[in-house]
Amino acid sequence: MQTQQTITLFGTVSNSATSRISKNGRKYTAFGVAIISDRNHEAFHYNVVAFGKQGHFAKPFQTGTRIKLVVQAQSQPDNIATLPLLTAAFVRPVRPVATPPSPWFSI
């Protein structure tokens, strides 16, 4: 029995989610996401597809929404597009992390 490996990422939606139907009739939600590298703070852009229940959760995503994204490690590259294609196994919005006010700037 083979287990599916996944990768957890946090990112920002760069292209709003849209619902679509694949060539074989499956409904899915597609959106763009930008992932910021911890090493050099460079943004990497990906196209993401979410099927079934995960697609339902992704439908309301608008540009700028912070999300937690779990993708299949063996996602297939999209040979037509210039951006890699990832398949979401889990996707949810997350609240931005609030930083406490600095005591140096309080009045």
PDB file of N, CA and C in Angstrom:
ATOM      1  N   MET A   1       0.840  -1.177   0.000  1.00  0.00           N
ATOM      2  CA  MET A   1       0.000   0.000   0.000  1.00  0.00           C
ATOM      3  C   MET A   1       0.891   1.249   0.000  1.00  0.00           C
ATOM      4  N   GLN A   2       0.647   2.131  -0.936  1.00  0.00           N
ATOM      5  CA  GLN A   2       1.449   3.346  -1.054  1.00  0.00           C
ATOM      6  C   GLN A   2       0.711   4.502  -0.387  1.00  0.00           C
ATOM      7  N   THR A   3       1.424   5.278   0.411  1.00  0.00           N
ATOM      8  CA  THR A   3       0.812   6.442   1.045  1.00  0.00           C
ATOM      9  C   THR A   3       1.179   7.691   0.263  1.00  0.00           C
ATOM     10  N   GLN A   4       0.247   8.623   0.224  1.00  0.00           N
ATOM     11  CA  GLN A   4       0.461   9.879  -0.496  1.00  0.00           C
ATOM     12  C   GLN A   4       1.194  10.860   0.415  1.00  0.00           C
ATOM     13  N   GLN A   5       2.346  11.344  -0.018  1.00  0.00           N
ATOM     14  CA  GLN A   5       3.079  12.328   0.767  1.00  0.00           C
ATOM     15  C   GLN A   5       2.539  13.718   0.458  1.00  0.00           C
ATOM     16  N   THR A   6       2.516  14.556   1.485  1.00  0.00           N
ATOM     17  CA  THR A   6       2.010  15.915   1.316  1.00  0.00           C
ATOM     18  C   THR A   6       3.017  16.926   1.845  1.00  0.00           C
ATOM     19  N   ILE A   7       2.857  18.164   1.402  1.00  0.00           N
ATOM     20  CA  ILE A   7       3.701  19.279   1.831  1.00  0.00           C
ATOM     21  C   ILE A   7       2.775  20.392   2.302  1.00  0.00           C
ATOM     22  N   THR A   8       3.047  20.969   3.474  1.00  0.00           N
ATOM     23  CA  THR A   8       2.245  22.071   4.002  1.00  0.00           C
ATOM     24  C   THR A   8       2.927  23.396   3.697  1.00  0.00           C
ATOM     25  N   LEU A   9       2.165  24.320   3.128  1.00  0.00           N
ATOM     26  CA  LEU A   9       2.669  25.644   2.763  1.00  0.00           C
ATOM     27  C   LEU A   9       1.724  26.711   3.297  1.00  0.00           C
ATOM     28  N   PHE A  10       2.248  27.885   3.553  1.00  0.00           N
ATOM     29  CA  PHE A  10       1.429  29.044   3.873  1.00  0.00           C
ATOM     30  C   PHE A  10       1.701  30.080   2.798  1.00  0.00           C
ATOM     31  N   GLY A  11       0.659  30.715   2.298  1.00  0.00           N
ATOM     32  CA  GLY A  11       0.853  31.681   1.224  1.00  0.00           C
ATOM     33  C   GLY A  11      -0.296  32.657   1.120  1.00  0.00           C
ATOM     34  N   THR A  12      -0.269  33.434   0.060  1.00  0.00           N
ATOM     35  CA  THR A  12      -1.280  34.455  -0.209  1.00  0.00           C
ATOM     36  C   THR A  12      -1.867  34.199  -1.586  1.00  0.00           C
ATOM     37  N   VAL A  13      -3.195  34.252  -1.672  1.00  0.00           N
ATOM     38  CA  VAL A  13      -3.860  34.049  -2.955  1.00  0.00           C
ATOM     39  C   VAL A  13      -3.482  35.198  -3.886  1.00  0.00           C
ATOM     40  N   SER A  14      -2.943  34.861  -5.066  1.00  0.00           N
ATOM     41  CA  SER A  14      -2.526  35.888  -6.022  1.00  0.00           C
ATOM     42  C   SER A  14      -3.520  36.051  -7.171  1.00  0.00           C
ATOM     43  N   ASN A  15      -4.330  35.037  -7.436  1.00  0.00           N
ATOM     44  CA  ASN A  15      -5.410  35.111  -8.424  1.00  0.00           C
ATOM     45  C   ASN A  15      -6.656  34.533  -7.779  1.00  0.00           C
ATOM     46  N   SER A  16      -7.757  35.281  -7.784  1.00  0.00           N
ATOM     47  CA  SER A  16      -8.993  34.846  -7.141  1.00  0.00           C
ATOM     48  C   SER A  16      -9.444  33.484  -7.650  1.00  0.00           C
ATOM     49  N   ALA A  17     -10.132  32.746  -6.777  1.00  0.00           N
ATOM     50  CA  ALA A  17     -10.598  31.404  -7.107  1.00  0.00           C
ATOM     51  C   ALA A  17     -11.745  31.445  -8.111  1.00  0.00           C
ATOM     52  N   THR A  18     -11.721  30.510  -9.050  1.00  0.00           N
ATOM     53  CA  THR A  18     -12.800  30.355 -10.020  1.00  0.00           C
ATOM     54  C   THR A  18     -13.169  28.882 -10.105  1.00  0.00           C
ATOM     55  N   SER A  19     -14.468  28.606 -10.238  1.00  0.00           N
ATOM     56  CA  SER A  19     -14.944  27.229 -10.384  1.00  0.00           C
ATOM     57  C   SER A  19     -14.905  26.840 -11.851  1.00  0.00           C
ATOM     58  N   ARG A  20     -14.494  25.606 -12.100  1.00  0.00           N
ATOM     59  CA  ARG A  20     -14.371  25.117 -13.476  1.00  0.00           C
ATOM     60  C   ARG A  20     -14.780  23.650 -13.540  1.00  0.00           C
ATOM     61  N   ILE A  21     -14.903  23.143 -14.764  1.00  0.00           N
ATOM     62  CA  ILE A  21     -15.194  21.727 -14.985  1.00  0.00           C
ATOM     63  C   ILE A  21     -14.100  21.170 -15.888  1.00  0.00           C
ATOM     64  N   SER A  22     -13.513  20.048 -15.465  1.00  0.00           N
ATOM     65  CA  SER A  22     -12.426  19.445 -16.238  1.00  0.00           C
ATOM     66  C   SER A  22     -12.971  18.763 -17.493  1.00  0.00           C
ATOM     67  N   LYS A  23     -12.070  18.323 -18.355  1.00  0.00           N
ATOM     68  CA  LYS A  23     -12.460  17.645 -19.597  1.00  0.00           C
ATOM     69  C   LYS A  23     -13.252  16.371 -19.335  1.00  0.00           C
ATOM     70  N   ASN A  24     -12.989  15.714 -18.195  1.00  0.00           N
ATOM     71  CA  ASN A  24     -13.717  14.484 -17.878  1.00  0.00           C
ATOM     72  C   ASN A  24     -14.942  14.737 -16.999  1.00  0.00           C
ATOM     73  N   GLY A  25     -15.323  16.007 -16.827  1.00  0.00           N
ATOM     74  CA  GLY A  25     -16.559  16.345 -16.128  1.00  0.00           C
ATOM     75  C   GLY A  25     -16.456  16.576 -14.634  1.00  0.00           C
ATOM     76  N   ARG A  26     -15.263  16.530 -14.057  1.00  0.00           N
ATOM     77  CA  ARG A  26     -15.111  16.779 -12.615  1.00  0.00           C
ATOM     78  C   ARG A  26     -15.087  18.273 -12.335  1.00  0.00           C
ATOM     79  N   LYS A  27     -15.819  18.689 -11.300  1.00  0.00           N
ATOM     80  CA  LYS A  27     -15.802  20.097 -10.888  1.00  0.00           C
ATOM     81  C   LYS A  27     -14.569  20.344 -10.026  1.00  0.00           C
ATOM     82  N   TYR A  28     -13.956  21.502 -10.211  1.00  0.00           N
ATOM     83  CA  TYR A  28     -12.812  21.877  -9.389  1.00  0.00           C
ATOM     84  C   TYR A  28     -12.741  23.392  -9.277  1.00  0.00           C
ATOM     85  N   THR A  29     -11.950  23.855  -8.330  1.00  0.00           N
ATOM     86  CA  THR A  29     -11.717  25.280  -8.132  1.00  0.00           C
ATOM     87  C   THR A  29     -10.241  25.543  -8.392  1.00  0.00           C
ATOM     88  N   ALA A  30      -9.957  26.572  -9.177  1.00  0.00           N
ATOM     89  CA  ALA A  30      -8.572  26.921  -9.510  1.00  0.00           C
ATOM     90  C   ALA A  30      -8.266  28.321  -8.988  1.00  0.00           C
ATOM     91  N   PHE A  31      -7.042  28.507  -8.505  1.00  0.00           N
ATOM     92  CA  PHE A  31      -6.609  29.821  -8.035  1.00  0.00           C
ATOM     93  C   PHE A  31      -5.087  29.878  -8.056  1.00  0.00           C
ATOM     94  N   GLY A  32      -4.552  31.078  -7.984  1.00  0.00           N
ATOM     95  CA  GLY A  32      -3.109  31.275  -7.925  1.00  0.00           C
ATOM     96  C   GLY A  32      -2.687  31.548  -6.500  1.00  0.00           C
ATOM     97  N   VAL A  33      -1.476  31.149  -6.155  1.00  0.00           N
ATOM     98  CA  VAL A  33      -0.966  31.396  -4.811  1.00  0.00           C
ATOM     99  C   VAL A  33       0.501  31.802  -4.898  1.00  0.00           C
ATOM    100  N   ALA A  34       0.893  32.715  -4.020  1.00  0.00           N
ATOM    101  CA  ALA A  34       2.289  33.146  -3.905  1.00  0.00           C
ATOM    102  C   ALA A  34       2.820  32.641  -2.566  1.00  0.00           C
ATOM    103  N   ILE A  35       3.941  31.947  -2.618  1.00  0.00           N
ATOM    104  CA  ILE A  35       4.604  31.426  -1.420  1.00  0.00           C
ATOM    105  C   ILE A  35       5.906  32.199  -1.264  1.00  0.00           C
ATOM    106  N   ILE A  36       6.133  32.764  -0.073  1.00  0.00           N
ATOM    107  CA  ILE A  36       7.349  33.535   0.188  1.00  0.00           C
ATOM    108  C   ILE A  36       8.408  32.615   0.790  1.00  0.00           C
ATOM    109  N   SER A  37       9.589  32.614   0.210  1.00  0.00           N
ATOM    110  CA  SER A  37      10.699  31.804   0.700  1.00  0.00           C
ATOM    111  C   SER A  37      11.234  32.383   2.007  1.00  0.00           C
ATOM    112  N   ASP A  38      11.502  31.495   2.985  1.00  0.00           N
ATOM    113  CA  ASP A  38      12.095  31.936   4.253  1.00  0.00           C
ATOM    114  C   ASP A  38      13.545  32.367   4.071  1.00  0.00           C
ATOM    115  N   ARG A  39      14.223  31.773   3.103  1.00  0.00           N
ATOM    116  CA  ARG A  39      15.647  32.048   2.918  1.00  0.00           C
ATOM    117  C   ARG A  39      15.924  33.429   2.353  1.00  0.00           C
ATOM    118  N   ASN A  40      15.312  33.737   1.216  1.00  0.00           N
ATOM    119  CA  ASN A  40      15.640  35.009   0.562  1.00  0.00           C
ATOM    120  C   ASN A  40      14.424  35.909   0.357  1.00  0.00           C
ATOM    121  N   HIS A  41      13.301  35.536   0.940  1.00  0.00           N
ATOM    122  CA  HIS A  41      12.057  36.309   0.869  1.00  0.00           C
ATOM    123  C   HIS A  41      11.586  36.542  -0.564  1.00  0.00           C
ATOM    124  N   GLU A  42      11.959  35.644  -1.461  1.00  0.00           N
ATOM    125  CA  GLU A  42      11.518  35.703  -2.851  1.00  0.00           C
ATOM    126  C   GLU A  42      10.160  35.014  -2.960  1.00  0.00           C
ATOM    127  N   ALA A  43       9.257  35.564  -3.777  1.00  0.00           N
ATOM    128  CA  ALA A  43       7.929  34.972  -3.958  1.00  0.00           C
ATOM    129  C   ALA A  43       7.948  33.956  -5.095  1.00  0.00           C
ATOM    130  N   PHE A  44       7.368  32.794  -4.838  1.00  0.00           N
ATOM    131  CA  PHE A  44       7.189  31.767  -5.863  1.00  0.00           C
ATOM    132  C   PHE A  44       5.699  31.663  -6.143  1.00  0.00           C
ATOM    133  N   HIS A  45       5.318  31.672  -7.411  1.00  0.00           N
ATOM    134  CA  HIS A  45       3.908  31.653  -7.793  1.00  0.00           C
ATOM    135  C   HIS A  45       3.537  30.286  -8.356  1.00  0.00           C
ATOM    136  N   TYR A  46       2.367  29.786  -7.936  1.00  0.00           N
ATOM    137  CA  TYR A  46       1.881  28.482  -8.372  1.00  0.00           C
ATOM    138  C   TYR A  46       0.409  28.583  -8.733  1.00  0.00           C
ATOM    139  N   ASN A  47      -0.028  27.729  -9.658  1.00  0.00           N
ATOM    140  CA  ASN A  47      -1.446  27.528  -9.915  1.00  0.00           C
ATOM    141  C   ASN A  47      -1.871  26.343  -9.068  1.00  0.00           C
ATOM    142  N   VAL A  48      -3.040  26.445  -8.432  1.00  0.00           N
ATOM    143  CA  VAL A  48      -3.524  25.387  -7.555  1.00  0.00           C
ATOM    144  C   VAL A  48      -4.906  24.953  -8.023  1.00  0.00           C
ATOM    145  N   VAL A  49      -5.167  23.645  -7.997  1.00  0.00           N
ATOM    146  CA  VAL A  49      -6.502  23.121  -8.249  1.00  0.00           C
ATOM    147  C   VAL A  49      -6.951  22.375  -7.002  1.00  0.00           C
ATOM    148  N   ALA A  50      -8.225  22.535  -6.665  1.00  0.00           N
ATOM    149  CA  ALA A  50      -8.804  21.875  -5.499  1.00  0.00           C
ATOM    150  C   ALA A  50     -10.100  21.200  -5.939  1.00  0.00           C
ATOM    151  N   PHE A  51     -10.194  19.896  -5.719  1.00  0.00           N
ATOM    152  CA  PHE A  51     -11.365  19.120  -6.113  1.00  0.00           C
ATOM    153  C   PHE A  51     -12.264  18.869  -4.912  1.00  0.00           C
ATOM    154  N   GLY A  52     -13.540  18.593  -5.160  1.00  0.00           N
ATOM    155  CA  GLY A  52     -14.480  18.160  -4.134  1.00  0.00           C
ATOM    156  C   GLY A  52     -14.635  19.147  -2.992  1.00  0.00           C
ATOM    157  N   LYS A  53     -14.550  18.613  -1.771  1.00  0.00           N
ATOM    158  CA  LYS A  53     -14.754  19.424  -0.570  1.00  0.00           C
ATOM    159  C   LYS A  53     -13.726  20.549  -0.466  1.00  0.00           C
ATOM    160  N   GLN A  54     -12.476  20.278  -0.834  1.00  0.00           N
ATOM    161  CA  GLN A  54     -11.446  21.318  -0.770  1.00  0.00           C
ATOM    162  C   GLN A  54     -11.754  22.436  -1.761  1.00  0.00           C
ATOM    163  N   GLY A  55     -12.306  22.094  -2.911  1.00  0.00           N
ATOM    164  CA  GLY A  55     -12.722  23.101  -3.883  1.00  0.00           C
ATOM    165  C   GLY A  55     -13.829  23.980  -3.340  1.00  0.00           C
ATOM    166  N   HIS A  56     -14.728  23.372  -2.556  1.00  0.00           N
ATOM    167  CA  HIS A  56     -15.806  24.142  -1.923  1.00  0.00           C
ATOM    168  C   HIS A  56     -15.231  25.173  -0.953  1.00  0.00           C
ATOM    169  N   PHE A  57     -14.225  24.783  -0.164  1.00  0.00           N
ATOM    170  CA  PHE A  57     -13.606  25.714   0.782  1.00  0.00           C
ATOM    171  C   PHE A  57     -12.830  26.820   0.066  1.00  0.00           C
ATOM    172  N   ALA A  58     -12.320  26.533  -1.124  1.00  0.00           N
ATOM    173  CA  ALA A  58     -11.499  27.503  -1.855  1.00  0.00           C
ATOM    174  C   ALA A  58     -12.318  28.516  -2.651  1.00  0.00           C
ATOM    175  N   LYS A  59     -13.599  28.228  -2.918  1.00  0.00           N
ATOM    176  CA  LYS A  59     -14.412  29.097  -3.781  1.00  0.00           C
ATOM    177  C   LYS A  59     -14.414  30.569  -3.376  1.00  0.00           C
ATOM    178  N   PRO A  60     -14.539  30.916  -2.093  1.00  0.00           N
ATOM    179  CA  PRO A  60     -14.623  32.347  -1.747  1.00  0.00           C
ATOM    180  C   PRO A  60     -13.286  33.088  -1.719  1.00  0.00           C
ATOM    181  N   PHE A  61     -12.175  32.417  -2.018  1.00  0.00           N
ATOM    182  CA  PHE A  61     -10.868  33.073  -1.925  1.00  0.00           C
ATOM    183  C   PHE A  61     -10.747  34.233  -2.907  1.00  0.00           C
ATOM    184  N   GLN A  62     -10.318  35.362  -2.386  1.00  0.00           N
ATOM    185  CA  GLN A  62     -10.051  36.549  -3.189  1.00  0.00           C
ATOM    186  C   GLN A  62      -8.558  36.850  -3.109  1.00  0.00           C
ATOM    187  N   THR A  63      -8.077  37.655  -4.026  1.00  0.00           N
ATOM    188  CA  THR A  63      -6.677  38.057  -4.024  1.00  0.00           C
ATOM    189  C   THR A  63      -6.318  38.679  -2.674  1.00  0.00           C
ATOM    190  N   GLY A  64      -5.205  38.251  -2.098  1.00  0.00           N
ATOM    191  CA  GLY A  64      -4.750  38.782  -0.820  1.00  0.00           C
ATOM    192  C   GLY A  64      -5.107  37.924   0.376  1.00  0.00           C
ATOM    193  N   THR A  65      -5.969  36.907   0.209  1.00  0.00           N
ATOM    194  CA  THR A  65      -6.348  36.032   1.315  1.00  0.00           C
ATOM    195  C   THR A  65      -5.156  35.173   1.721  1.00  0.00           C
ATOM    196  N   ARG A  66      -4.842  35.156   3.026  1.00  0.00           N
ATOM    197  CA  ARG A  66      -3.769  34.292   3.538  1.00  0.00           C
ATOM    198  C   ARG A  66      -4.342  32.895   3.725  1.00  0.00           C
ATOM    199  N   ILE A  67      -3.616  31.868   3.270  1.00  0.00           N
ATOM    200  CA  ILE A  67      -4.133  30.508   3.347  1.00  0.00           C
ATOM    201  C   ILE A  67      -3.082  29.521   3.839  1.00  0.00           C
ATOM    202  N   LYS A  68      -3.592  28.417   4.399  1.00  0.00           N
ATOM    203  CA  LYS A  68      -2.770  27.244   4.688  1.00  0.00           C
ATOM    204  C   LYS A  68      -3.120  26.246   3.596  1.00  0.00           C
ATOM    205  N   LEU A  69      -2.114  25.704   2.949  1.00  0.00           N
ATOM    206  CA  LEU A  69      -2.303  24.850   1.789  1.00  0.00           C
ATOM    207  C   LEU A  69      -1.487  23.578   1.963  1.00  0.00           C
ATOM    208  N   VAL A  70      -2.147  22.438   1.890  1.00  0.00           N
ATOM    209  CA  VAL A  70      -1.452  21.154   1.904  1.00  0.00           C
ATOM    210  C   VAL A  70      -1.588  20.580   0.503  1.00  0.00           C
ATOM    211  N   VAL A  71      -0.461  20.321  -0.145  1.00  0.00           N
ATOM    212  CA  VAL A  71      -0.485  19.834  -1.525  1.00  0.00           C
ATOM    213  C   VAL A  71       0.112  18.439  -1.608  1.00  0.00           C
ATOM    214  N   GLN A  72      -0.292  17.706  -2.637  1.00  0.00           N
ATOM    215  CA  GLN A  72       0.266  16.386  -2.887  1.00  0.00           C
ATOM    216  C   GLN A  72       1.702  16.543  -3.367  1.00  0.00           C
ATOM    217  N   ALA A  73       2.591  15.760  -2.807  1.00  0.00           N
ATOM    218  CA  ALA A  73       4.008  15.874  -3.162  1.00  0.00           C
ATOM    219  C   ALA A  73       4.264  15.502  -4.616  1.00  0.00           C
ATOM    220  N   GLN A  74       3.429  14.650  -5.201  1.00  0.00           N
ATOM    221  CA  GLN A  74       3.625  14.239  -6.591  1.00  0.00           C
ATOM    222  C   GLN A  74       2.740  15.017  -7.553  1.00  0.00           C
ATOM    223  N   SER A  75       2.427  16.260  -7.258  1.00  0.00           N
ATOM    224  CA  SER A  75       1.623  17.064  -8.174  1.00  0.00           C
ATOM    225  C   SER A  75       2.301  17.106  -9.536  1.00  0.00           C
ATOM    226  N   GLN A  76       1.505  16.988 -10.569  1.00  0.00           N
ATOM    227  CA  GLN A  76       2.040  16.953 -11.927  1.00  0.00           C
ATOM    228  C   GLN A  76       2.303  18.358 -12.432  1.00  0.00           C
ATOM    229  N   PRO A  77       3.424  18.570 -13.119  1.00  0.00           N
ATOM    230  CA  PRO A  77       3.662  19.889 -13.702  1.00  0.00           C
ATOM    231  C   PRO A  77       2.704  20.132 -14.860  1.00  0.00           C
ATOM    232  N   ASP A  78       2.288  21.353 -15.010  1.00  0.00           N
ATOM    233  CA  ASP A  78       1.416  21.737 -16.115  1.00  0.00           C
ATOM    234  C   ASP A  78       2.317  22.156 -17.271  1.00  0.00           C
ATOM    235  N   ASN A  79       2.403  21.330 -18.293  1.00  0.00           N
ATOM    236  CA  ASN A  79       3.328  21.580 -19.397  1.00  0.00           C
ATOM    237  C   ASN A  79       2.922  22.759 -20.271  1.00  0.00           C
ATOM    238  N   ILE A  80       1.660  23.146 -20.231  1.00  0.00           N
ATOM    239  CA  ILE A  80       1.190  24.244 -21.070  1.00  0.00           C
ATOM    240  C   ILE A  80       1.463  25.589 -20.398  1.00  0.00           C
ATOM    241  N   ALA A  81       1.201  25.661 -19.108  1.00  0.00           N
ATOM    242  CA  ALA A  81       1.331  26.924 -18.381  1.00  0.00           C
ATOM    243  C   ALA A  81       2.787  27.189 -18.009  1.00  0.00           C
ATOM    244  N   THR A  82       3.078  28.448 -17.748  1.00  0.00           N
ATOM    245  CA  THR A  82       4.429  28.817 -17.320  1.00  0.00           C
ATOM    246  C   THR A  82       4.612  28.614 -15.822  1.00  0.00           C
ATOM    247  N   LEU A  83       3.506  28.456 -15.069  1.00  0.00           N
ATOM    248  CA  LEU A  83       3.575  28.249 -13.629  1.00  0.00           C
ATOM    249  C   LEU A  83       3.291  26.787 -13.296  1.00  0.00           C
ATOM    250  N   PRO A  84       3.963  26.220 -12.288  1.00  0.00           N
ATOM    251  CA  PRO A  84       3.694  24.842 -11.891  1.00  0.00           C
ATOM    252  C   PRO A  84       2.266  24.686 -11.366  1.00  0.00           C
ATOM    253  N   LEU A  85       1.703  23.488 -11.534  1.00  0.00           N
ATOM    254  CA  LEU A  85       0.348  23.188 -11.084  1.00  0.00           C
ATOM    255  C   LEU A  85       0.414  22.293  -9.856  1.00  0.00           C
ATOM    256  N   LEU A  86      -0.235  22.705  -8.764  1.00  0.00           N
ATOM    257  CA  LEU A  86      -0.286  21.925  -7.533  1.00  0.00           C
ATOM    258  C   LEU A  86      -1.716  21.453  -7.303  1.00  0.00           C
ATOM    259  N   THR A  87      -1.871  20.261  -6.711  1.00  0.00           N
ATOM    260  CA  THR A  87      -3.187  19.738  -6.368  1.00  0.00           C
ATOM    261  C   THR A  87      -3.361  19.831  -4.859  1.00  0.00           C
ATOM    262  N   ALA A  88      -4.384  20.561  -4.417  1.00  0.00           N
ATOM    263  CA  ALA A  88      -4.603  20.785  -2.988  1.00  0.00           C
ATOM    264  C   ALA A  88      -5.251  19.569  -2.341  1.00  0.00           C
ATOM    265  N   ALA A  89      -4.670  19.109  -1.231  1.00  0.00           N
ATOM    266  CA  ALA A  89      -5.274  18.066  -0.416  1.00  0.00           C
ATOM    267  C   ALA A  89      -6.030  18.703   0.752  1.00  0.00           C
ATOM    268  N   PHE A  90      -5.684  19.931   1.101  1.00  0.00           N
ATOM    269  CA  PHE A  90      -6.319  20.677   2.195  1.00  0.00           C
ATOM    270  C   PHE A  90      -6.057  22.149   1.945  1.00  0.00           C
ATOM    271  N   VAL A  91      -7.089  22.974   2.086  1.00  0.00           N
ATOM    272  CA  VAL A  91      -6.899  24.414   1.926  1.00  0.00           C
ATOM    273  C   VAL A  91      -7.894  25.147   2.826  1.00  0.00           C
ATOM    274  N   ARG A  92      -7.391  26.087   3.623  1.00  0.00           N
ATOM    275  CA  ARG A  92      -8.234  26.881   4.513  1.00  0.00           C
ATOM    276  C   ARG A  92      -7.635  28.280   4.641  1.00  0.00           C
ATOM    277  N   PRO A  93      -8.488  29.283   4.833  1.00  0.00           N
ATOM    278  CA  PRO A  93      -7.951  30.618   5.108  1.00  0.00           C
ATOM    279  C   PRO A  93      -7.372  30.658   6.519  1.00  0.00           C
ATOM    280  N   VAL A  94      -6.374  31.485   6.730  1.00  0.00           N
ATOM    281  CA  VAL A  94      -5.802  31.679   8.064  1.00  0.00           C
ATOM    282  C   VAL A  94      -5.822  33.162   8.385  1.00  0.00           C
ATOM    283  N   ARG A  95      -5.895  33.452   9.643  1.00  0.00           N
ATOM    284  CA  ARG A  95      -5.857  34.857  10.063  1.00  0.00           C
ATOM    285  C   ARG A  95      -4.417  35.329  10.060  1.00  0.00           C
ATOM    286  N   PRO A  96      -4.184  36.566   9.616  1.00  0.00           N
ATOM    287  CA  PRO A  96      -2.820  37.101   9.683  1.00  0.00           C
ATOM    288  C   PRO A  96      -2.347  37.155  11.129  1.00  0.00           C
ATOM    289  N   VAL A  97      -1.085  36.927  11.334  1.00  0.00           N
ATOM    290  CA  VAL A  97      -0.512  36.975  12.675  1.00  0.00           C
ATOM    291  C   VAL A  97      -0.378  38.433  13.086  1.00  0.00           C
ATOM    292  N   ALA A  98      -0.998  38.779  14.200  1.00  0.00           N
ATOM    293  CA  ALA A  98      -0.915  40.155  14.702  1.00  0.00           C
ATOM    294  C   ALA A  98       0.329  40.288  15.567  1.00  0.00           C
ATOM    295  N   THR A  99       1.057  41.344  15.368  1.00  0.00           N
ATOM    296  CA  THR A  99       2.231  41.590  16.202  1.00  0.00           C
ATOM    297  C   THR A  99       1.829  42.517  17.339  1.00  0.00           C
ATOM    298  N   PRO A 100       2.254  42.210  18.551  1.00  0.00           N
ATOM    299  CA  PRO A 100       1.895  43.071  19.677  1.00  0.00           C
ATOM    300  C   PRO A 100       2.547  44.444  19.526  1.00  0.00           C
ATOM    301  N   PRO A 101       1.902  45.474  20.049  1.00  0.00           N
ATOM    302  CA  PRO A 101       2.496  46.809  19.942  1.00  0.00           C
ATOM    303  C   PRO A 101       3.822  46.880  20.697  1.00  0.00           C
ATOM    304  N   SER A 102       4.736  47.611  20.144  1.00  0.00           N
ATOM    305  CA  SER A 102       6.046  47.754  20.752  1.00  0.00           C
ATOM    306  C   SER A 102       5.967  48.733  21.927  1.00  0.00           C
ATOM    307  N   PRO A 103       6.585  48.391  23.071  1.00  0.00           N
ATOM    308  CA  PRO A 103       6.565  49.324  24.208  1.00  0.00           C
ATOM    309  C   PRO A 103       7.365  50.593  23.916  1.00  0.00           C
ATOM    310  N   TRP A 104       8.228  50.554  22.908  1.00  0.00           N
ATOM    311  CA  TRP A 104       9.045  51.717  22.570  1.00  0.00           C
ATOM    312  C   TRP A 104       8.234  52.815  21.901  1.00  0.00           C
ATOM    313  N   PHE A 105       7.091  52.439  21.316  1.00  0.00           N
ATOM    314  CA  PHE A 105       6.304  53.430  20.598  1.00  0.00           C
ATOM    315  C   PHE A 105       4.984  53.750  21.277  1.00  0.00           C
ATOM    316  N   SER A 106       4.762  53.254  22.480  1.00  0.00           N
ATOM    317  CA  SER A 106       3.497  53.545  23.165  1.00  0.00           C
ATOM    318  C   SER A 106       3.525  54.944  23.775  1.00  0.00           C
ATOM    319  N   ILE A 107       2.357  55.501  23.879  1.00  0.00           N
ATOM    320  CA  ILE A 107       2.247  56.873  24.418  1.00  0.00           C
ATOM    321  C   ILE A 107       1.736  56.826  25.829  1.00  0.00           C
TER     322      ILE A 107
END
